[in-house]
C-alpha atoms as a PDB file:
ATOM      1  CA  MET A   1       0.000   0.000   0.000  1.00  0.00           C
ATOM      2  CA  TYR A   2       1.293   3.464  -0.887  1.00  0.00           C
ATOM      3  CA  PHE A   3       0.451   6.835   0.602  1.00  0.00           C
ATOM      4  CA  ALA A   4       1.134  10.212  -0.959  1.00  0.00           C
ATOM      5  CA  LEU A   5       1.326  12.965   1.624  1.00  0.00           C
ATOM      6  CA  CYS A   6       1.883  16.548   0.495  1.00  0.00           C
ATOM      7  CA  HIS A   7       3.480  17.614   3.768  1.00  0.00           C
ATOM      8  CA  PRO A   8       4.940  15.568   6.640  1.00  0.00           C
ATOM      9  CA  SER A   9       2.298  16.986   8.992  1.00  0.00           C
ATOM     10  CA  ASP A  10      -0.353  15.193   6.922  1.00  0.00           C
ATOM     11  CA  ILE A  11       0.601  11.996   8.747  1.00  0.00           C
ATOM     12  CA  ARG A  12      -1.642  13.202  11.564  1.00  0.00           C
ATOM     13  CA  ASP A  13      -4.657  12.575   9.317  1.00  0.00           C
ATOM     14  CA  LEU A  14      -3.881   8.901   8.703  1.00  0.00           C
ATOM     15  CA  SER A  15      -5.946   6.262  10.450  1.00  0.00           C
ATOM     16  CA  VAL A  16      -4.660   3.568  12.791  1.00  0.00           C
ATOM     17  CA  GLU A  17      -4.917   1.048   9.979  1.00  0.00           C
ATOM     18  CA  GLN A  18      -2.995   3.232   7.530  1.00  0.00           C
ATOM     19  CA  LEU A  19      -0.200   3.962  10.008  1.00  0.00           C
ATOM     20  CA  GLN A  20       0.616   0.291  10.367  1.00  0.00           C
ATOM     21  CA  TYR A  21       1.926   0.281   6.780  1.00  0.00           C
ATOM     22  CA  ILE A  22       4.497   3.029   7.366  1.00  0.00           C
ATOM     23  CA  PRO A  23       7.943   1.421   7.870  1.00  0.00           C
ATOM     24  CA  LYS A  24       9.800   2.429  11.025  1.00  0.00           C
ATOM     25  CA  VAL A  25      12.689   3.910   9.027  1.00  0.00           C
ATOM     26  CA  VAL A  26      10.339   6.202   7.098  1.00  0.00           C
ATOM     27  CA  LEU A  27       8.367   7.016  10.224  1.00  0.00           C
ATOM     28  CA  LEU A  28      11.467   8.238  12.058  1.00  0.00           C
ATOM     29  CA  ARG A  29      13.331   9.932   9.211  1.00  0.00           C
ATOM     30  CA  VAL A  30      10.429  11.700   7.534  1.00  0.00           C
ATOM     31  CA  TYR A  31       7.790  11.998  10.265  1.00  0.00           C
ATOM     32  CA  GLY A  32       9.908  12.009  13.430  1.00  0.00           C
ATOM     33  CA  ASP A  33       8.691  15.472  14.412  1.00  0.00           C
ATOM     34  CA  TYR A  34       5.093  14.218  14.464  1.00  0.00           C
ATOM     35  CA  ILE A  35       5.537  11.061  16.573  1.00  0.00           C
ATOM     36  CA  GLU A  36       3.977  12.772  19.585  1.00  0.00           C
ATOM     37  CA  HIS A  37       0.892  13.716  17.550  1.00  0.00           C
ATOM     38  CA  ILE A  38       0.238  10.197  16.293  1.00  0.00           C
ATOM     39  CA  TRP A  39       1.449   8.235  19.338  1.00  0.00           C
ATOM     40  CA  ASP A  40      -2.012   6.988  20.328  1.00  0.00           C
ATOM     41  CA  LYS A  41      -2.615   5.666  16.807  1.00  0.00           C
ATOM     42  CA  LEU A  42       0.658   3.759  16.441  1.00  0.00           C
ATOM     43  CA  PRO A  43       0.669  -0.042  16.647  1.00  0.00           C
ATOM     44  CA  GLU A  44       1.879  -1.476  19.973  1.00  0.00           C
ATOM     45  CA  HIS A  45       4.992  -3.063  18.477  1.00  0.00           C
ATOM     46  CA  VAL A  46       6.076   0.382  17.252  1.00  0.00           C
ATOM     47  CA  LYS A  47       5.338   2.081  20.582  1.00  0.00           C
ATOM     48  CA  THR A  48       7.480  -0.438  22.450  1.00  0.00           C
ATOM     49  CA  ASP A  49      10.462   0.047  20.141  1.00  0.00           C
ATOM     50  CA  SER A  50      13.193   1.823  22.117  1.00  0.00           C
ATOM     51  CA  GLU A  51      14.342   3.909  19.143  1.00  0.00           C
ATOM     52  CA  VAL A  52      10.823   5.131  18.375  1.00  0.00           C
ATOM     53  CA  ARG A  53      10.282   6.077  22.029  1.00  0.00           C
ATOM     54  CA  THR A  54      13.280   8.445  21.898  1.00  0.00           C
ATOM     55  CA  TYR A  55      11.380  10.576  19.378  1.00  0.00           C
ATOM     56  CA  ARG A  56       8.757  11.499  21.981  1.00  0.00           C
ATOM     57  CA  ARG A  57       9.072  14.731  23.942  1.00  0.00           C
ATOM     58  CA  CYS A  58      10.791  14.619  27.336  1.00  0.00           C
ATOM     59  CA  ASP A  59       8.183  15.797  29.808  1.00  0.00           C
ATOM     60  CA  GLU A  60      10.061  14.219  32.699  1.00  0.00           C
ATOM     61  CA  HIS A  61      12.868  16.797  32.716  1.00  0.00           C
ATOM     62  CA  TYR A  62      11.276  19.758  30.939  1.00  0.00           C
ATOM     63  CA  ASN A  63       8.154  21.895  31.221  1.00  0.00           C
ATOM     64  CA  GLN A  64       7.564  21.168  34.871  1.00  0.00           C
ATOM     65  CA  SER A  65       5.463  23.692  36.760  1.00  0.00           C
ATOM     66  CA  TRP A  66       8.475  24.800  38.821  1.00  0.00           C
ATOM     67  CA  GLN A  67      10.627  25.443  35.729  1.00  0.00           C
ATOM     68  CA  ARG A  68      10.549  28.415  33.435  1.00  0.00           C
ATOM     69  CA  THR A  69      11.245  26.268  30.358  1.00  0.00           C
ATOM     70  CA  HIS A  70       7.536  25.811  29.754  1.00  0.00           C
ATOM     71  CA  ILE A  71       7.502  29.236  28.074  1.00  0.00           C
ATOM     72  CA  ASP A  72      10.607  28.568  25.991  1.00  0.00           C
ATOM     73  CA  GLY A  73       8.945  26.497  23.301  1.00  0.00           C
ATOM     74  CA  PRO A  74       8.463  22.786  22.812  1.00  0.00           C
ATOM     75  CA  THR A  75      10.360  20.359  24.969  1.00  0.00           C
ATOM     76  CA  PRO A  76      13.256  18.500  23.363  1.00  0.00           C
ATOM     77  CA  LYS A  77      12.891  14.950  22.162  1.00  0.00           C
ATOM     78  CA  ILE A  78      14.076  12.276  24.577  1.00  0.00           C
ATOM     79  CA  LYS A  79      17.011  11.539  22.269  1.00  0.00           C
ATOM     80  CA  GLU A  80      18.089  15.207  22.578  1.00  0.00           C
ATOM     81  CA  CYS A  81      17.490  15.527  26.325  1.00  0.00           C
ATOM     82  CA  SER A  82      20.659  16.089  28.313  1.00  0.00           C
ATOM     83  CA  GLU A  83      19.080  14.454  31.379  1.00  0.00           C
ATOM     84  CA  CYS A  84      17.793  11.204  29.838  1.00  0.00           C
END
C-alpha cells in the first residue's frame, strides 16, 4: 500500500490502519517530528520500540510547573534531552 502525503504533517490525518503500513525507518526519518501527535494511533509493536520512544518529547525533565522552560517552546525529544 502506498500513501502520498503533500506535507509531513499530513501523517496526523492517517488512520490507525494506515499507520501500520508506514515502515519504522520512514516514520522516524520523515515523520519524526510528528511522533507525539500520532502516538495513540501507532501499533503497539512500534510504541514499544526503544528507538521510536526516543522521538517522543521529554516531559520528565522539561516543562515542569516549577521550571521556566515551559515558556521557551516545545520540549526537546528524549534523544536530545541532556538528562535522559
